[in-house]
Amino acid sequence: MDAYDKGSDVRHGSDARHGPDAPDRPVPPEERGAPHEERGAPAESARPVEPSGPLGAHPLGEPRTGVAALSLRYRIAVALALAVVAVGVCAHLGMTFLHVAPANTVTKAHGKAVDDWIYPEFEQNWKLFAPNPLQQNISIQVRAGIRGPDGSPSTTGWYDLSAEDGRAIDKNLLPSHTQQNELRRAWDFYVATHDGENRPVGLRGSLSESYLRRIMVLRLDRDDAVRAATGGAGVIERVQVRSRTSNVPPPRWSREKVSTTPSYRELPWWKVPQDEAAGGVR
């Protein structure tokens, strides 16, 4: 047994000294186990530092961007501005809905307020989606009463302004908004604010007359109609406008019979104010 024990001590080396029969002596540091940090465990200082602020706080060391970078006062201002924009958008959508919706209790009570909001900037026109779209050609024509250099009065022939715009638009890749819509919108404005006897309906009737008359005077002056009629420097004293309406002929394969004879609507003569006659309207 003694030999075995000695051999066992030799074979196991220092392991035998940790058994129950190990001598009572201090263990050198080199025989001790490596500290916990030296055996691969992360040190306390290497652990990530948890944020001490409230949950969702901005991480320390990272620059703030966007609205978060502003001070509290400016963030409040931005929030108020967004709230105002949101309220404005909702109000506009509500007004537009009431404008295009069928007549109801709200529009009967507040129809004027809705119209004041919509016209003229936000007018809604649904003719594109109408079940029976327009099938007529409408041209606007004008003639003028002129006082010549010698004071003698004369009247010009009819100028087809719509035909002039049509020739300007034809083969033009980028026609102007004026060439396409000015005459049409001015005439629609007049018709919508006058009855069949050319009497104004509502307060916008006189405005539509002034608008249409000024367009006529400007176009006559631009086309040199006055100089062509008088041979010199004449002055426009009055203008008269008429519309020429003709139905669009049906296609050849259609059995529909439509009259293509044009009809005319002549408006009364309008006296041109002195400032407009002298070219003061631009």
C-alpha atoms as a PDB file:
ATOM      1  CA  MET A   1       0.000   0.000   0.000  1.00  0.00           C
ATOM      2  CA  ASP A   2       2.858   2.340   0.814  1.00  0.00           C
ATOM      3  CA  ALA A   3       4.467   1.717  -2.535  1.00  0.00           C
ATOM      4  CA  TYR A   4       1.188   2.218  -4.344  1.00  0.00           C
ATOM      5  CA  ASP A   5       0.499   5.385  -2.451  1.00  0.00           C
ATOM      6  CA  LYS A   6       3.949   6.732  -3.265  1.00  0.00           C
ATOM      7  CA  GLY A   7       3.590   5.772  -6.895  1.00  0.00           C
ATOM      8  CA  SER A   8       0.190   7.386  -6.914  1.00  0.00           C
ATOM      9  CA  ASP A   9       1.688  10.555  -5.559  1.00  0.00           C
ATOM     10  CA  VAL A  10       4.304  10.502  -8.274  1.00  0.00           C
ATOM     11  CA  ARG A  11       1.834   9.829 -11.051  1.00  0.00           C
ATOM     12  CA  HIS A  12      -0.754  12.433 -10.040  1.00  0.00           C
ATOM     13  CA  GLY A  13       1.730  15.074  -9.082  1.00  0.00           C
ATOM     14  CA  SER A  14       0.128  18.108  -7.562  1.00  0.00           C
ATOM     15  CA  ASP A  15      -3.368  16.670  -7.904  1.00  0.00           C
ATOM     16  CA  ALA A  16      -2.691  14.391  -4.964  1.00  0.00           C
ATOM     17  CA  ARG A  17      -1.899  17.334  -2.741  1.00  0.00           C
ATOM     18  CA  HIS A  18      -5.473  18.610  -3.056  1.00  0.00           C
ATOM     19  CA  GLY A  19      -6.915  15.416  -1.651  1.00  0.00           C
ATOM     20  CA  PRO A  20      -7.856  14.791   1.942  1.00  0.00           C
ATOM     21  CA  ASP A  21      -4.248  13.815   2.813  1.00  0.00           C
ATOM     22  CA  ALA A  22      -2.720  16.999   1.298  1.00  0.00           C
ATOM     23  CA  PRO A  23      -0.373  18.758   3.706  1.00  0.00           C
ATOM     24  CA  ASP A  24      -1.655  21.868   5.372  1.00  0.00           C
ATOM     25  CA  ARG A  25       0.462  24.496   3.547  1.00  0.00           C
ATOM     26  CA  PRO A  26      -0.278  27.582   1.520  1.00  0.00           C
ATOM     27  CA  VAL A  27      -0.766  26.986  -2.187  1.00  0.00           C
ATOM     28  CA  PRO A  28       1.545  29.058  -4.404  1.00  0.00           C
ATOM     29  CA  PRO A  29      -0.147  31.453  -6.845  1.00  0.00           C
ATOM     30  CA  GLU A  30       1.142  29.537  -9.864  1.00  0.00           C
ATOM     31  CA  GLU A  31      -0.694  26.444  -8.647  1.00  0.00           C
ATOM     32  CA  ARG A  32      -3.919  28.212  -8.098  1.00  0.00           C
ATOM     33  CA  GLY A  33      -6.620  28.412 -10.809  1.00  0.00           C
ATOM     34  CA  ALA A  34      -6.583  31.438 -13.080  1.00  0.00           C
ATOM     35  CA  PRO A  35      -8.808  34.273 -11.973  1.00  0.00           C
ATOM     36  CA  HIS A  36     -12.305  34.449 -13.421  1.00  0.00           C
ATOM     37  CA  GLU A  37     -11.401  37.385 -15.625  1.00  0.00           C
ATOM     38  CA  GLU A  38      -8.300  35.616 -17.033  1.00  0.00           C
ATOM     39  CA  ARG A  39     -10.245  32.532 -18.121  1.00  0.00           C
ATOM     40  CA  GLY A  40     -12.077  34.377 -20.907  1.00  0.00           C
ATOM     41  CA  ALA A  41     -14.988  35.935 -19.017  1.00  0.00           C
ATOM     42  CA  PRO A  42     -15.532  39.610 -19.884  1.00  0.00           C
ATOM     43  CA  ALA A  43     -14.356  42.106 -17.352  1.00  0.00           C
ATOM     44  CA  GLU A  44     -16.832  44.328 -15.574  1.00  0.00           C
ATOM     45  CA  SER A  45     -15.423  47.366 -17.357  1.00  0.00           C
ATOM     46  CA  ALA A  46     -15.982  45.771 -20.801  1.00  0.00           C
ATOM     47  CA  ARG A  47     -19.714  45.298 -20.282  1.00  0.00           C
ATOM     48  CA  PRO A  48     -21.990  47.705 -22.183  1.00  0.00           C
ATOM     49  CA  VAL A  49     -23.261  50.560 -20.091  1.00  0.00           C
ATOM     50  CA  GLU A  50     -27.021  50.563 -19.876  1.00  0.00           C
ATOM     51  CA  PRO A  51     -28.639  53.946 -20.485  1.00  0.00           C
ATOM     52  CA  SER A  52     -29.614  55.525 -17.221  1.00  0.00           C
ATOM     53  CA  GLY A  53     -32.236  57.802 -18.767  1.00  0.00           C
ATOM     54  CA  PRO A  54     -35.920  57.028 -19.336  1.00  0.00           C
ATOM     55  CA  LEU A  55     -37.020  54.462 -21.880  1.00  0.00           C
ATOM     56  CA  GLY A  56     -36.831  55.809 -25.456  1.00  0.00           C
ATOM     57  CA  ALA A  57     -34.387  58.603 -24.636  1.00  0.00           C
ATOM     58  CA  HIS A  58     -31.979  59.638 -27.374  1.00  0.00           C
ATOM     59  CA  PRO A  59     -28.737  57.578 -27.195  1.00  0.00           C
ATOM     60  CA  LEU A  60     -25.821  59.488 -25.785  1.00  0.00           C
ATOM     61  CA  GLY A  61     -23.110  60.488 -28.218  1.00  0.00           C
ATOM     62  CA  GLU A  62     -25.318  60.419 -31.357  1.00  0.00           C
ATOM     63  CA  PRO A  63     -26.280  63.738 -33.031  1.00  0.00           C
ATOM     64  CA  ARG A  64     -29.995  64.508 -33.212  1.00  0.00           C
ATOM     65  CA  THR A  65     -31.573  65.051 -36.632  1.00  0.00           C
ATOM     66  CA  GLY A  66     -34.824  66.433 -37.976  1.00  0.00           C
ATOM     67  CA  VAL A  67     -37.369  67.967 -35.628  1.00  0.00           C
ATOM     68  CA  ALA A  68     -35.680  66.300 -32.650  1.00  0.00           C
ATOM     69  CA  ALA A  69     -32.653  68.550 -33.180  1.00  0.00           C
ATOM     70  CA  LEU A  70     -34.757  71.668 -32.566  1.00  0.00           C
ATOM     71  CA  SER A  71     -35.247  73.257 -29.219  1.00  0.00           C
ATOM     72  CA  LEU A  72     -38.522  72.784 -27.346  1.00  0.00           C
ATOM     73  CA  ARG A  73     -39.823  76.199 -28.426  1.00  0.00           C
ATOM     74  CA  TYR A  74     -39.270  75.481 -32.132  1.00  0.00           C
ATOM     75  CA  ARG A  75     -40.714  71.975 -31.829  1.00  0.00           C
ATOM     76  CA  ILE A  76     -43.901  73.495 -30.412  1.00  0.00           C
ATOM     77  CA  ALA A  77     -43.977  75.985 -33.308  1.00  0.00           C
ATOM     78  CA  VAL A  78     -43.588  73.159 -35.856  1.00  0.00           C
ATOM     79  CA  ALA A  79     -46.382  71.182 -34.204  1.00  0.00           C
ATOM     80  CA  LEU A  80     -48.701  74.204 -34.294  1.00  0.00           C
ATOM     81  CA  ALA A  81     -47.874  74.859 -37.976  1.00  0.00           C
ATOM     82  CA  LEU A  82     -48.633  71.241 -38.880  1.00  0.00           C
ATOM     83  CA  ALA A  83     -51.905  71.439 -36.974  1.00  0.00           C
ATOM     84  CA  VAL A  84     -52.920  74.601 -38.875  1.00  0.00           C
ATOM     85  CA  VAL A  85     -52.064  72.970 -42.224  1.00  0.00           C
ATOM     86  CA  ALA A  86     -54.040  69.850 -41.301  1.00  0.00           C
ATOM     87  CA  VAL A  87     -57.079  71.928 -40.329  1.00  0.00           C
ATOM     88  CA  GLY A  88     -56.828  73.925 -43.580  1.00  0.00           C
ATOM     89  CA  VAL A  89     -56.621  70.792 -45.713  1.00  0.00           C
ATOM     90  CA  CYS A  90     -59.608  69.235 -43.949  1.00  0.00           C
ATOM     91  CA  ALA A  91     -61.619  72.454 -44.378  1.00  0.00           C
ATOM     92  CA  HIS A  92     -60.763  72.634 -48.100  1.00  0.00           C
ATOM     93  CA  LEU A  93     -61.705  69.004 -48.689  1.00  0.00           C
ATOM     94  CA  GLY A  94     -64.975  69.566 -46.838  1.00  0.00           C
ATOM     95  CA  MET A  95     -65.816  72.649 -48.918  1.00  0.00           C
ATOM     96  CA  THR A  96     -64.980  70.825 -52.146  1.00  0.00           C
ATOM     97  CA  PHE A  97     -67.177  67.888 -51.126  1.00  0.00           C
ATOM     98  CA  LEU A  98     -70.106  70.199 -50.347  1.00  0.00           C
ATOM     99  CA  HIS A  99     -69.598  71.977 -53.678  1.00  0.00           C
ATOM    100  CA  VAL A 100     -69.808  68.820 -55.806  1.00  0.00           C
ATOM    101  CA  ALA A 101     -72.361  66.998 -53.639  1.00  0.00           C
ATOM    102  CA  PRO A 102     -76.105  67.146 -54.419  1.00  0.00           C
ATOM    103  CA  ALA A 103     -78.155  69.838 -52.706  1.00  0.00           C
ATOM    104  CA  ASN A 104     -78.531  69.154 -48.997  1.00  0.00           C
ATOM    105  CA  THR A 105     -79.340  70.911 -45.736  1.00  0.00           C
ATOM    106  CA  VAL A 106     -75.803  72.267 -45.287  1.00  0.00           C
ATOM    107  CA  THR A 107     -75.501  73.683 -48.813  1.00  0.00           C
ATOM    108  CA  LYS A 108     -78.951  75.259 -48.570  1.00  0.00           C
ATOM    109  CA  ALA A 109     -77.948  77.063 -45.378  1.00  0.00           C
ATOM    110  CA  HIS A 110     -74.318  77.864 -46.252  1.00  0.00           C
ATOM    111  CA  GLY A 111     -74.223  77.673 -50.059  1.00  0.00           C
ATOM    112  CA  LYS A 112     -72.886  81.229 -50.442  1.00  0.00           C
ATOM    113  CA  ALA A 113     -69.961  80.537 -48.109  1.00  0.00           C
ATOM    114  CA  VAL A 114     -69.110  77.386 -50.070  1.00  0.00           C
ATOM    115  CA  ASP A 115     -69.239  79.251 -53.397  1.00  0.00           C
ATOM    116  CA  ASP A 116     -67.079  82.077 -52.037  1.00  0.00           C
ATOM    117  CA  TRP A 117     -64.461  79.506 -51.035  1.00  0.00           C
ATOM    118  CA  ILE A 118     -64.513  77.550 -54.313  1.00  0.00           C
ATOM    119  CA  TYR A 119     -64.746  80.328 -56.930  1.00  0.00           C
ATOM    120  CA  PRO A 120     -62.747  81.167 -58.874  1.00  0.00           C
ATOM    121  CA  GLU A 121     -59.526  79.382 -57.903  1.00  0.00           C
ATOM    122  CA  PHE A 122     -60.936  75.949 -56.967  1.00  0.00           C
ATOM    123  CA  GLU A 123     -63.782  75.547 -59.439  1.00  0.00           C
ATOM    124  CA  GLN A 124     -64.713  71.931 -60.122  1.00  0.00           C
ATOM    125  CA  ASN A 125     -65.717  70.996 -63.662  1.00  0.00           C
ATOM    126  CA  TRP A 126     -67.005  67.467 -64.267  1.00  0.00           C
ATOM    127  CA  LYS A 127     -67.927  67.776 -67.948  1.00  0.00           C
ATOM    128  CA  LEU A 128     -65.312  65.178 -68.831  1.00  0.00           C
ATOM    129  CA  PHE A 129     -67.328  62.555 -66.935  1.00  0.00           C
ATOM    130  CA  ALA A 130     -70.783  63.671 -68.087  1.00  0.00           C
ATOM    131  CA  PRO A 131     -72.908  60.917 -69.665  1.00  0.00           C
ATOM    132  CA  ASN A 132     -73.764  63.237 -72.573  1.00  0.00           C
ATOM    133  CA  PRO A 133     -70.694  65.403 -73.336  1.00  0.00           C
ATOM    134  CA  LEU A 134     -70.917  68.586 -75.377  1.00  0.00           C
ATOM    135  CA  GLN A 135     -71.404  67.958 -79.085  1.00  0.00           C
ATOM    136  CA  GLN A 136     -71.262  71.523 -80.353  1.00  0.00           C
ATOM    137  CA  ASN A 137     -68.675  73.867 -81.752  1.00  0.00           C
ATOM    138  CA  ILE A 138     -68.940  77.334 -80.234  1.00  0.00           C
ATOM    139  CA  SER A 139     -66.915  80.219 -81.651  1.00  0.00           C
ATOM    140  CA  ILE A 140     -66.777  83.744 -80.266  1.00  0.00           C
ATOM    141  CA  GLN A 141     -66.877  86.663 -82.689  1.00  0.00           C
ATOM    142  CA  VAL A 142     -66.635  90.412 -82.157  1.00  0.00           C
ATOM    143  CA  ARG A 143     -67.042  93.632 -84.090  1.00  0.00           C
ATOM    144  CA  ALA A 144     -66.298  97.188 -83.067  1.00  0.00           C
ATOM    145  CA  GLY A 145     -67.740 100.657 -83.524  1.00  0.00           C
ATOM    146  CA  ILE A 146     -64.816 102.973 -84.279  1.00  0.00           C
ATOM    147  CA  ARG A 147     -64.357 106.728 -84.389  1.00  0.00           C
ATOM    148  CA  GLY A 148     -61.801 107.633 -87.046  1.00  0.00           C
ATOM    149  CA  PRO A 149     -59.112 110.348 -86.868  1.00  0.00           C
ATOM    150  CA  ASP A 150     -61.493 112.779 -88.542  1.00  0.00           C
ATOM    151  CA  GLY A 151     -64.292 111.947 -86.068  1.00  0.00           C
ATOM    152  CA  SER A 152     -66.349 109.884 -88.494  1.00  0.00           C
ATOM    153  CA  PRO A 153     -67.912 106.684 -87.014  1.00  0.00           C
ATOM    154  CA  SER A 154     -67.631 103.300 -88.664  1.00  0.00           C
ATOM    155  CA  THR A 155     -68.262  99.644 -87.851  1.00  0.00           C
ATOM    156  CA  THR A 156     -65.865  96.812 -88.522  1.00  0.00           C
ATOM    157  CA  GLY A 157     -66.788  93.380 -89.778  1.00  0.00           C
ATOM    158  CA  TRP A 158     -67.006  90.340 -87.542  1.00  0.00           C
ATOM    159  CA  TYR A 159     -63.676  88.939 -86.308  1.00  0.00           C
ATOM    160  CA  ASP A 160     -63.747  85.233 -85.459  1.00  0.00           C
ATOM    161  CA  LEU A 161     -61.438  85.171 -82.435  1.00  0.00           C
ATOM    162  CA  SER A 162     -61.967  81.446 -81.801  1.00  0.00           C
ATOM    163  CA  ALA A 163     -60.794  80.660 -85.321  1.00  0.00           C
ATOM    164  CA  GLU A 164     -57.658  82.735 -84.713  1.00  0.00           C
ATOM    165  CA  ASP A 165     -56.930  80.776 -81.535  1.00  0.00           C
ATOM    166  CA  GLY A 166     -57.567  77.531 -83.392  1.00  0.00           C
ATOM    167  CA  ARG A 167     -55.013  78.423 -86.043  1.00  0.00           C
ATOM    168  CA  ALA A 168     -52.499  79.351 -83.313  1.00  0.00           C
ATOM    169  CA  ILE A 169     -53.035  76.008 -81.538  1.00  0.00           C
ATOM    170  CA  ASP A 170     -52.939  73.868 -84.684  1.00  0.00           C
ATOM    171  CA  LYS A 171     -49.571  72.090 -85.046  1.00  0.00           C
ATOM    172  CA  ASN A 172     -48.342  73.855 -81.903  1.00  0.00           C
ATOM    173  CA  LEU A 173     -46.788  71.364 -79.475  1.00  0.00           C
ATOM    174  CA  LEU A 174     -46.967  73.796 -76.548  1.00  0.00           C
ATOM    175  CA  PRO A 175     -49.987  76.102 -76.971  1.00  0.00           C
ATOM    176  CA  SER A 176     -50.497  78.698 -74.282  1.00  0.00           C
ATOM    177  CA  HIS A 177     -53.233  78.534 -71.672  1.00  0.00           C
ATOM    178  CA  THR A 178     -54.622  81.807 -73.016  1.00  0.00           C
ATOM    179  CA  GLN A 179     -54.992  80.461 -76.532  1.00  0.00           C
ATOM    180  CA  GLN A 180     -56.766  77.345 -75.300  1.00  0.00           C
ATOM    181  CA  ASN A 181     -59.044  78.615 -72.552  1.00  0.00           C
ATOM    182  CA  GLU A 182     -59.376  82.402 -72.295  1.00  0.00           C
ATOM    183  CA  LEU A 183     -62.267  82.905 -74.725  1.00  0.00           C
ATOM    184  CA  ARG A 184     -64.050  79.689 -73.740  1.00  0.00           C
ATOM    185  CA  ARG A 185     -63.902  80.414 -70.023  1.00  0.00           C
ATOM    186  CA  ALA A 186     -64.933  84.045 -70.494  1.00  0.00           C
ATOM    187  CA  TRP A 187     -67.959  83.018 -72.553  1.00  0.00           C
ATOM    188  CA  ASP A 188     -68.946  80.271 -70.102  1.00  0.00           C
ATOM    189  CA  PHE A 189     -68.653  82.825 -67.297  1.00  0.00           C
ATOM    190  CA  TYR A 190     -70.990  85.203 -69.121  1.00  0.00           C
ATOM    191  CA  VAL A 191     -73.581  82.562 -70.009  1.00  0.00           C
ATOM    192  CA  ALA A 192     -73.640  81.226 -66.440  1.00  0.00           C
ATOM    193  CA  THR A 193     -74.401  84.697 -65.027  1.00  0.00           C
ATOM    194  CA  HIS A 194     -77.023  85.823 -67.587  1.00  0.00           C
ATOM    195  CA  ASP A 195     -80.411  84.572 -68.661  1.00  0.00           C
ATOM    196  CA  GLY A 196     -81.655  83.996 -72.211  1.00  0.00           C
ATOM    197  CA  GLU A 197     -82.455  87.713 -72.587  1.00  0.00           C
ATOM    198  CA  ASN A 198     -78.874  88.693 -71.664  1.00  0.00           C
ATOM    199  CA  ARG A 199     -79.990  90.067 -68.304  1.00  0.00           C
ATOM    200  CA  PRO A 200     -77.483  89.591 -65.446  1.00  0.00           C
ATOM    201  CA  VAL A 201     -78.371  87.084 -62.757  1.00  0.00           C
ATOM    202  CA  GLY A 202     -76.765  87.863 -59.419  1.00  0.00           C
ATOM    203  CA  LEU A 203     -73.895  90.165 -58.533  1.00  0.00           C
ATOM    204  CA  ARG A 204     -71.368  88.466 -60.810  1.00  0.00           C
ATOM    205  CA  GLY A 205     -73.243  89.439 -63.982  1.00  0.00           C
ATOM    206  CA  SER A 206     -71.641  92.881 -64.319  1.00  0.00           C
ATOM    207  CA  LEU A 207     -68.238  91.371 -63.544  1.00  0.00           C
ATOM    208  CA  SER A 208     -68.587  88.844 -66.379  1.00  0.00           C
ATOM    209  CA  GLU A 209     -69.593  91.627 -68.802  1.00  0.00           C
ATOM    210  CA  SER A 210     -66.547  93.695 -67.880  1.00  0.00           C
ATOM    211  CA  TYR A 211     -64.262  90.696 -68.183  1.00  0.00           C
ATOM    212  CA  LEU A 212     -65.563  89.709 -71.630  1.00  0.00           C
ATOM    213  CA  ARG A 213     -65.543  93.304 -72.906  1.00  0.00           C
ATOM    214  CA  ARG A 214     -61.931  93.879 -71.856  1.00  0.00           C
ATOM    215  CA  ILE A 215     -60.807  90.703 -73.604  1.00  0.00           C
ATOM    216  CA  MET A 216     -62.528  91.863 -76.798  1.00  0.00           C
ATOM    217  CA  VAL A 217     -60.881  95.297 -76.705  1.00  0.00           C
ATOM    218  CA  LEU A 218     -57.434  93.837 -76.085  1.00  0.00           C
ATOM    219  CA  ARG A 219     -57.807  91.332 -78.900  1.00  0.00           C
ATOM    220  CA  LEU A 220     -58.989  93.968 -81.379  1.00  0.00           C
ATOM    221  CA  ASP A 221     -56.079  96.198 -80.465  1.00  0.00           C
ATOM    222  CA  ARG A 222     -53.610  93.342 -80.735  1.00  0.00           C
ATOM    223  CA  ASP A 223     -54.939  92.333 -84.137  1.00  0.00           C
ATOM    224  CA  ASP A 224     -54.713  95.945 -85.408  1.00  0.00           C
ATOM    225  CA  ALA A 225     -58.403  95.856 -86.277  1.00  0.00           C
ATOM    226  CA  VAL A 226     -58.814  99.558 -85.584  1.00  0.00           C
ATOM    227  CA  ARG A 227     -55.983 100.629 -87.864  1.00  0.00           C
ATOM    228  CA  ALA A 228     -57.151  98.213 -90.554  1.00  0.00           C
ATOM    229  CA  ALA A 229     -60.657  99.704 -90.503  1.00  0.00           C
ATOM    230  CA  THR A 230     -59.723 103.375 -90.343  1.00  0.00           C
ATOM    231  CA  GLY A 231     -56.424 103.366 -92.180  1.00  0.00           C
ATOM    232  CA  GLY A 232     -54.854 105.215 -89.263  1.00  0.00           C
ATOM    233  CA  ALA A 233     -55.179 105.872 -85.554  1.00  0.00           C
ATOM    234  CA  GLY A 234     -58.828 105.331 -84.691  1.00  0.00           C
ATOM    235  CA  VAL A 235     -60.453 104.770 -81.301  1.00  0.00           C
ATOM    236  CA  ILE A 236     -62.795 101.965 -80.268  1.00  0.00           C
ATOM    237  CA  GLU A 237     -66.031 103.409 -78.907  1.00  0.00           C
ATOM    238  CA  ARG A 238     -68.107 100.253 -78.505  1.00  0.00           C
ATOM    239  CA  VAL A 239     -67.981  96.512 -79.109  1.00  0.00           C
ATOM    240  CA  GLN A 240     -70.515  93.799 -79.795  1.00  0.00           C
ATOM    241  CA  VAL A 241     -69.998  90.099 -79.143  1.00  0.00           C
ATOM    242  CA  ARG A 242     -71.818  87.127 -80.588  1.00  0.00           C
ATOM    243  CA  SER A 243     -71.478  83.358 -80.436  1.00  0.00           C
ATOM    244  CA  ARG A 244     -71.787  81.005 -83.367  1.00  0.00           C
ATOM    245  CA  THR A 245     -72.964  77.521 -82.367  1.00  0.00           C
ATOM    246  CA  SER A 246     -73.083  74.552 -84.716  1.00  0.00           C
ATOM    247  CA  ASN A 247     -73.617  70.877 -83.980  1.00  0.00           C
ATOM    248  CA  VAL A 248     -70.783  68.450 -84.591  1.00  0.00           C
ATOM    249  CA  PRO A 249     -71.726  66.236 -87.559  1.00  0.00           C
ATOM    250  CA  PRO A 250     -72.345  62.602 -86.567  1.00  0.00           C
ATOM    251  CA  PRO A 251     -69.968  59.925 -87.898  1.00  0.00           C
ATOM    252  CA  ARG A 252     -70.700  58.350 -91.275  1.00  0.00           C
ATOM    253  CA  TRP A 253     -71.770  55.025 -89.800  1.00  0.00           C
ATOM    254  CA  SER A 254     -74.339  56.700 -87.513  1.00  0.00           C
ATOM    255  CA  ARG A 255     -78.018  56.937 -88.489  1.00  0.00           C
ATOM    256  CA  GLU A 256     -78.473  60.023 -86.338  1.00  0.00           C
ATOM    257  CA  LYS A 257     -79.762  63.114 -88.150  1.00  0.00           C
ATOM    258  CA  VAL A 258     -78.391  66.384 -86.813  1.00  0.00           C
ATOM    259  CA  SER A 259     -78.791  69.851 -88.253  1.00  0.00           C
ATOM    260  CA  THR A 260     -75.452  71.544 -88.903  1.00  0.00           C
ATOM    261  CA  THR A 261     -76.976  74.983 -89.552  1.00  0.00           C
ATOM    262  CA  PRO A 262     -75.275  77.424 -87.177  1.00  0.00           C
ATOM    263  CA  SER A 263     -77.215  79.511 -84.685  1.00  0.00           C
ATOM    264  CA  TYR A 264     -76.129  82.922 -83.386  1.00  0.00           C
ATOM    265  CA  ARG A 265     -76.525  84.710 -80.087  1.00  0.00           C
ATOM    266  CA  GLU A 266     -75.806  88.413 -80.344  1.00  0.00           C
ATOM    267  CA  LEU A 267     -75.170  90.455 -77.247  1.00  0.00           C
ATOM    268  CA  PRO A 268     -76.066  94.159 -77.017  1.00  0.00           C
ATOM    269  CA  TRP A 269     -73.507  96.824 -77.867  1.00  0.00           C
ATOM    270  CA  TRP A 270     -71.224  97.679 -74.966  1.00  0.00           C
ATOM    271  CA  LYS A 271     -69.770 101.152 -74.645  1.00  0.00           C
ATOM    272  CA  VAL A 272     -66.004 101.047 -74.095  1.00  0.00           C
ATOM    273  CA  PRO A 273     -64.728 103.314 -71.276  1.00  0.00           C
ATOM    274  CA  GLN A 274     -62.211 105.953 -72.258  1.00  0.00           C
ATOM    275  CA  ASP A 275     -59.278 104.329 -70.429  1.00  0.00           C
ATOM    276  CA  GLU A 276     -59.898 101.009 -72.180  1.00  0.00           C
ATOM    277  CA  ALA A 277     -60.365 102.648 -75.583  1.00  0.00           C
ATOM    278  CA  ALA A 278     -57.027 104.432 -75.199  1.00  0.00           C
ATOM    279  CA  GLY A 279     -55.253 101.172 -74.517  1.00  0.00           C
ATOM    280  CA  GLY A 280     -55.091 101.554 -70.758  1.00  0.00           C
ATOM    281  CA  VAL A 281     -56.103  97.925 -70.131  1.00  0.00           C
ATOM    282  CA  ARG A 282     -53.131  95.569 -70.177  1.00  0.00           C
END
